[in-house]
C-alpha atoms as a PDB file:
ATOM      1  CA  GLN A   1     323.411 -11.392  47.936  1.00  0.00           C
ATOM      2  CA  VAL A   2     325.766 -11.164  50.939  1.00  0.00           C
ATOM      3  CA  GLN A   3     326.188  -8.020  52.881  1.00  0.00           C
ATOM      4  CA  LEU A   4     328.450  -6.954  55.714  1.00  0.00           C
ATOM      5  CA  VAL A   5     327.277  -4.117  57.820  1.00  0.00           C
ATOM      6  CA  GLU A   6     329.625  -2.447  60.430  1.00  0.00           C
ATOM      7  CA  SER A   7     328.661  -0.403  63.366  1.00  0.00           C
ATOM      8  CA  GLY A   8     330.226   1.166  66.357  1.00  0.00           C
ATOM      9  CA  GLY A   9     332.666   3.656  65.035  1.00  0.00           C
ATOM     10  CA  GLY A  10     332.850   7.208  66.328  1.00  0.00           C
ATOM     11  CA  LEU A  11     334.958   9.685  68.256  1.00  0.00           C
ATOM     12  CA  VAL A  12     336.798   8.819  71.474  1.00  0.00           C
ATOM     13  CA  GLN A  13     339.585  10.424  73.425  1.00  0.00           C
ATOM     14  CA  ALA A  14     342.990   8.735  73.663  1.00  0.00           C
ATOM     15  CA  GLY A  15     343.039   5.945  76.183  1.00  0.00           C
ATOM     16  CA  GLY A  16     339.309   5.307  75.621  1.00  0.00           C
ATOM     17  CA  SER A  17     337.601   2.313  74.245  1.00  0.00           C
ATOM     18  CA  LEU A  18     335.195   1.481  71.272  1.00  0.00           C
ATOM     19  CA  THR A  19     333.564  -1.703  70.190  1.00  0.00           C
ATOM     20  CA  LEU A  20     333.053  -2.365  66.501  1.00  0.00           C
ATOM     21  CA  SER A  21     330.494  -4.936  65.286  1.00  0.00           C
ATOM     22  CA  CYS A  22     329.971  -6.411  61.893  1.00  0.00           C
ATOM     23  CA  LYS A  23     327.033  -8.532  60.913  1.00  0.00           C
ATOM     24  CA  VAL A  24     326.935 -10.712  57.926  1.00  0.00           C
ATOM     25  CA  SER A  25     323.544 -11.166  56.230  1.00  0.00           C
ATOM     26  CA  GLY A  26     322.049 -12.651  53.080  1.00  0.00           C
ATOM     27  CA  SER A  27     322.497 -15.901  51.282  1.00  0.00           C
ATOM     28  CA  ILE A  28     324.920 -17.528  53.657  1.00  0.00           C
ATOM     29  CA  GLY A  29     325.961 -21.189  53.283  1.00  0.00           C
ATOM     30  CA  GLY A  30     328.688 -20.848  55.772  1.00  0.00           C
ATOM     31  CA  ILE A  31     331.231 -18.352  57.085  1.00  0.00           C
ATOM     32  CA  ASN A  32     334.948 -19.074  57.430  1.00  0.00           C
ATOM     33  CA  ALA A  33     337.487 -16.550  58.430  1.00  0.00           C
ATOM     34  CA  MET A  34     336.494 -13.091  59.508  1.00  0.00           C
ATOM     35  CA  GLY A  35     338.541 -10.052  60.213  1.00  0.00           C
ATOM     36  CA  TRP A  36     339.093  -6.320  60.458  1.00  0.00           C
ATOM     37  CA  SER A  37     341.402  -4.063  58.520  1.00  0.00           C
ATOM     38  CA  ARG A  38     341.972  -0.348  58.532  1.00  0.00           C
ATOM     39  CA  GLN A  39     342.915   2.456  56.245  1.00  0.00           C
ATOM     40  CA  ILE A  40     344.449   5.667  57.189  1.00  0.00           C
ATOM     41  CA  PRO A  41     344.300   8.449  54.654  1.00  0.00           C
ATOM     42  CA  GLY A  42     347.249   8.284  52.224  1.00  0.00           C
ATOM     43  CA  LYS A  43     348.174   4.843  53.370  1.00  0.00           C
ATOM     44  CA  GLU A  44     347.382   1.358  52.179  1.00  0.00           C
ATOM     45  CA  ARG A  45     344.751  -0.788  53.989  1.00  0.00           C
ATOM     46  CA  GLU A  46     346.398  -2.965  56.693  1.00  0.00           C
ATOM     47  CA  LEU A  47     345.126  -5.962  58.618  1.00  0.00           C
ATOM     48  CA  VAL A  48     344.239  -5.323  62.213  1.00  0.00           C
ATOM     49  CA  ALA A  49     342.968  -8.706  63.417  1.00  0.00           C
ATOM     50  CA  GLY A  50     341.542 -11.928  62.005  1.00  0.00           C
ATOM     51  CA  ILE A  51     339.710 -14.841  63.492  1.00  0.00           C
ATOM     52  CA  SER A  52     339.416 -18.324  61.849  1.00  0.00           C
ATOM     53  CA  GLY A  53     336.315 -20.405  61.607  1.00  0.00           C
ATOM     54  CA  GLY A  54     337.520 -22.337  64.574  1.00  0.00           C
ATOM     55  CA  GLY A  55     338.011 -19.209  66.699  1.00  0.00           C
ATOM     56  CA  SER A  56     341.806 -18.780  66.542  1.00  0.00           C
ATOM     57  CA  ALA A  57     342.720 -15.122  66.547  1.00  0.00           C
ATOM     58  CA  ASN A  58     345.634 -13.199  65.231  1.00  0.00           C
ATOM     59  CA  TYR A  59     346.670  -9.564  65.546  1.00  0.00           C
ATOM     60  CA  ALA A  60     348.845  -6.996  64.061  1.00  0.00           C
ATOM     61  CA  ASP A  61     351.743  -6.070  66.250  1.00  0.00           C
ATOM     62  CA  PHE A  62     350.472  -2.559  66.685  1.00  0.00           C
ATOM     63  CA  VAL A  63     347.173  -3.663  68.368  1.00  0.00           C
ATOM     64  CA  LYS A  64     348.444  -6.676  70.379  1.00  0.00           C
ATOM     65  CA  GLY A  65     347.367  -6.357  73.989  1.00  0.00           C
ATOM     66  CA  ARG A  66     344.897  -3.518  73.228  1.00  0.00           C
ATOM     67  CA  PHE A  67     342.364  -4.993  70.767  1.00  0.00           C
ATOM     68  CA  THR A  68     340.465  -8.287  70.904  1.00  0.00           C
ATOM     69  CA  ILE A  69     338.507  -9.911  68.117  1.00  0.00           C
ATOM     70  CA  SER A  70     335.766 -12.402  68.682  1.00  0.00           C
ATOM     71  CA  ARG A  71     332.869 -13.827  66.736  1.00  0.00           C
ATOM     72  CA  ASP A  72     329.268 -15.029  67.433  1.00  0.00           C
ATOM     73  CA  ASN A  73     328.560 -17.657  65.014  1.00  0.00           C
ATOM     74  CA  ALA A  74     324.859 -17.860  65.930  1.00  0.00           C
ATOM     75  CA  LYS A  75     324.512 -14.156  64.945  1.00  0.00           C
ATOM     76  CA  ASN A  76     326.975 -14.213  62.020  1.00  0.00           C
ATOM     77  CA  THR A  77     328.733 -11.406  63.763  1.00  0.00           C
ATOM     78  CA  VAL A  78     332.397 -10.403  64.300  1.00  0.00           C
ATOM     79  CA  ILE A  79     333.343  -7.995  67.070  1.00  0.00           C
ATOM     80  CA  LEU A  80     336.492  -5.804  67.571  1.00  0.00           C
ATOM     81  CA  GLN A  81     336.950  -4.598  71.104  1.00  0.00           C
ATOM     82  CA  MET A  82     339.373  -1.701  71.134  1.00  0.00           C
ATOM     83  CA  ASN A  83     340.950  -0.497  74.310  1.00  0.00           C
ATOM     84  CA  SER A  84     343.718   1.944  75.102  1.00  0.00           C
ATOM     85  CA  LEU A  85     343.054   3.756  71.896  1.00  0.00           C
ATOM     86  CA  ARG A  86     345.686   6.123  70.405  1.00  0.00           C
ATOM     87  CA  PRO A  87     345.478   8.950  67.914  1.00  0.00           C
ATOM     88  CA  GLU A  88     347.397   6.809  65.469  1.00  0.00           C
ATOM     89  CA  ASP A  89     344.475   4.370  65.541  1.00  0.00           C
ATOM     90  CA  THR A  90     342.338   6.906  63.704  1.00  0.00           C
ATOM     91  CA  ALA A  91     341.264   5.325  60.489  1.00  0.00           C
ATOM     92  CA  VAL A  92     338.313   3.764  58.600  1.00  0.00           C
ATOM     93  CA  TYR A  93     337.885   0.254  59.779  1.00  0.00           C
ATOM     94  CA  TYR A  94     336.558  -2.375  57.432  1.00  0.00           C
ATOM     95  CA  CYS A  95     335.297  -5.836  58.281  1.00  0.00           C
ATOM     96  CA  ALA A  96     335.751  -8.796  56.000  1.00  0.00           C
ATOM     97  CA  ALA A  97     334.484 -12.281  55.876  1.00  0.00           C
ATOM     98  CA  VAL A  98     334.994 -15.430  53.711  1.00  0.00           C
ATOM     99  CA  VAL A  99     331.439 -16.588  52.920  1.00  0.00           C
ATOM    100  CA  ASN A 100     329.914 -19.423  51.078  1.00  0.00           C
ATOM    101  CA  ASN A 101     327.151 -17.786  49.119  1.00  0.00           C
ATOM    102  CA  GLY A 102     325.784 -21.061  47.668  1.00  0.00           C
ATOM    103  CA  ASP A 103     328.025 -20.808  44.553  1.00  0.00           C
ATOM    104  CA  GLY A 104     331.338 -21.138  46.432  1.00  0.00           C
ATOM    105  CA  TRP A 105     333.543 -19.246  48.846  1.00  0.00           C
ATOM    106  CA  ARG A 106     334.535 -15.703  48.314  1.00  0.00           C
ATOM    107  CA  ASP A 107     335.673 -12.626  50.253  1.00  0.00           C
ATOM    108  CA  TYR A 108     333.206  -9.984  51.099  1.00  0.00           C
ATOM    109  CA  TRP A 109     333.902  -6.487  52.687  1.00  0.00           C
ATOM    110  CA  GLY A 110     331.761  -3.951  54.701  1.00  0.00           C
ATOM    111  CA  GLN A 111     331.519  -0.304  53.682  1.00  0.00           C
ATOM    112  CA  GLY A 112     333.754   0.789  56.551  1.00  0.00           C
ATOM    113  CA  THR A 113     333.167   2.707  59.766  1.00  0.00           C
ATOM    114  CA  GLN A 114     335.192   5.729  60.841  1.00  0.00           C
ATOM    115  CA  VAL A 115     337.071   5.630  64.139  1.00  0.00           C
ATOM    116  CA  THR A 116     338.589   8.918  65.330  1.00  0.00           C
ATOM    117  CA  VAL A 117     340.819   9.154  68.455  1.00  0.00           C
ATOM    118  CA  SER A 118     341.477  12.652  69.719  1.00  0.00           C
ATOM    119  CA  PRO A 119     344.654  13.450  71.711  1.00  0.00           C
END
Protein backbone atom coordinates (compact mmCIF):
# COMPACT_ATOMS: atom_id res chain seq x y z
CA GLN A 1 0.00 0.00 0.00
CA VAL A 2 1.21 3.49 -0.86
CA GLN A 3 -0.21 6.54 0.88
CA LEU A 4 0.21 10.25 0.35
CA VAL A 5 -0.62 12.49 3.28
CA GLU A 6 -0.77 16.27 2.91
CA SER A 7 -0.41 18.82 5.66
CA GLY A 8 -0.08 22.57 6.03
CA GLY A 9 -3.32 23.90 4.65
CA GLY A 10 -5.34 26.53 6.45
CA LEU A 11 -6.62 30.08 6.44
CA VAL A 12 -4.39 33.01 5.57
CA GLN A 13 -4.89 36.63 4.59
CA ALA A 14 -4.14 37.85 1.10
CA GLY A 15 -0.43 38.50 0.71
CA GLY A 16 0.45 35.86 3.27
CA SER A 17 2.26 32.55 2.95
CA LEU A 18 1.60 28.89 3.56
CA THR A 19 3.74 25.80 3.19
CA LEU A 20 2.16 22.53 2.09
CA SER A 21 3.92 19.25 2.69
CA CYS A 22 3.14 15.79 1.35
CA LYS A 23 4.76 12.61 2.58
CA VAL A 24 4.72 9.36 0.64
CA SER A 25 4.74 6.19 2.72
CA GLY A 26 4.23 2.48 2.29
CA SER A 27 5.68 -0.03 -0.14
CA ILE A 28 7.92 2.30 -2.12
CA GLY A 29 10.35 0.97 -4.68
CA GLY A 30 11.05 4.44 -6.00
CA ILE A 31 9.41 7.80 -6.59
CA ASN A 32 9.59 9.60 -9.91
CA ALA A 33 7.69 12.81 -10.58
CA MET A 34 5.80 14.57 -7.79
CA GLY A 35 3.48 17.51 -7.92
CA TRP A 36 0.58 19.58 -6.69
CA SER A 37 -2.78 20.26 -8.26
CA ARG A 38 -5.75 22.22 -6.99
CA GLN A 39 -9.48 22.21 -7.41
CA ILE A 40 -11.72 25.21 -6.99
CA PRO A 41 -15.41 24.40 -6.38
CA GLY A 42 -17.24 24.11 -9.66
CA LYS A 43 -14.04 23.90 -11.69
CA GLU A 44 -11.81 21.14 -12.95
CA ARG A 45 -8.65 20.16 -11.13
CA GLU A 46 -5.64 22.06 -12.47
CA LEU A 47 -1.91 21.49 -12.22
CA VAL A 48 -0.09 23.95 -9.97
CA ALA A 49 3.49 22.70 -10.00
CA GLY A 50 5.48 19.57 -10.68
CA ILE A 51 8.98 18.36 -10.02
CA SER A 52 10.79 15.55 -11.79
CA GLY A 53 12.81 12.81 -10.18
CA GLY A 54 15.89 14.79 -11.12
CA GLY A 55 14.59 17.95 -9.46
CA SER A 56 13.44 19.95 -12.48
CA ALA A 57 10.43 22.06 -11.60
CA ASN A 58 7.63 23.47 -13.69
CA TYR A 59 4.82 25.82 -12.74
CA ALA A 60 1.44 26.96 -13.96
CA ASP A 61 1.59 30.53 -15.21
CA PHE A 62 -0.76 31.70 -12.46
CA VAL A 63 1.72 30.75 -9.70
CA LYS A 64 5.06 31.55 -11.33
CA GLY A 65 7.14 33.79 -9.13
CA ARG A 66 4.92 33.14 -6.10
CA PHE A 67 5.06 29.38 -5.45
CA THR A 68 8.10 27.12 -5.15
CA ILE A 69 8.06 23.33 -5.30
CA SER A 70 10.81 21.22 -3.81
CA ARG A 71 11.37 17.64 -2.74
CA ASP A 72 13.29 15.84 -0.03
CA ASN A 73 14.09 12.43 -1.43
CA ALA A 74 15.45 11.14 1.87
CA LYS A 75 12.06 11.83 3.46
CA ASN A 76 9.90 10.95 0.42
CA THR A 77 8.34 14.38 0.72
CA VAL A 78 7.28 17.11 -1.69
CA ILE A 79 6.81 20.67 -0.46
CA LEU A 80 4.94 23.61 -1.93
CA GLN A 81 5.93 27.00 -0.59
CA MET A 82 3.19 29.49 -1.40
CA ASN A 83 3.90 33.21 -1.08
CA SER A 84 1.92 36.31 -2.01
CA LEU A 85 -1.30 34.35 -1.76
CA ARG A 86 -4.43 35.73 -3.42
CA PRO A 87 -8.11 35.03 -2.73
CA GLU A 88 -8.27 33.24 -6.08
CA ASP A 89 -5.74 30.71 -4.76
CA THR A 90 -8.47 29.39 -2.47
CA ALA A 91 -8.91 25.71 -3.33
CA VAL A 92 -8.36 22.16 -2.19
CA TYR A 93 -4.76 21.29 -2.94
CA TYR A 94 -3.81 17.71 -3.83
CA CYS A 95 -0.37 16.20 -4.04
CA ALA A 96 0.47 13.42 -6.45
CA ALA A 97 3.41 11.15 -7.07
CA VAL A 98 4.46 8.51 -9.54
CA VAL A 99 5.52 5.61 -7.33
CA ASN A 100 6.94 2.16 -7.94
CA ASN A 101 4.97 -0.02 -5.54
CA GLY A 102 6.93 -3.19 -6.35
CA ASP A 103 4.54 -4.21 -9.11
CA GLY A 104 5.26 -1.26 -11.35
CA TRP A 105 4.86 2.50 -11.62
CA ARG A 106 1.53 4.16 -11.04
CA ASP A 107 0.05 7.50 -10.00
CA TYR A 108 -1.03 8.09 -6.42
CA TRP A 109 -2.97 11.03 -4.97
CA GLY A 110 -3.36 12.48 -1.52
CA GLN A 111 -6.70 13.24 0.09
CA GLY A 112 -6.39 17.00 -0.33
CA THR A 113 -5.89 19.91 2.01
CA GLN A 114 -7.96 23.10 2.07
CA VAL A 115 -6.28 26.44 1.49
CA THR A 116 -8.41 29.51 2.09
CA VAL A 117 -7.14 33.03 1.37
CA SER A 118 -9.22 35.86 2.75
CA PRO A 119 -9.26 39.32 1.11
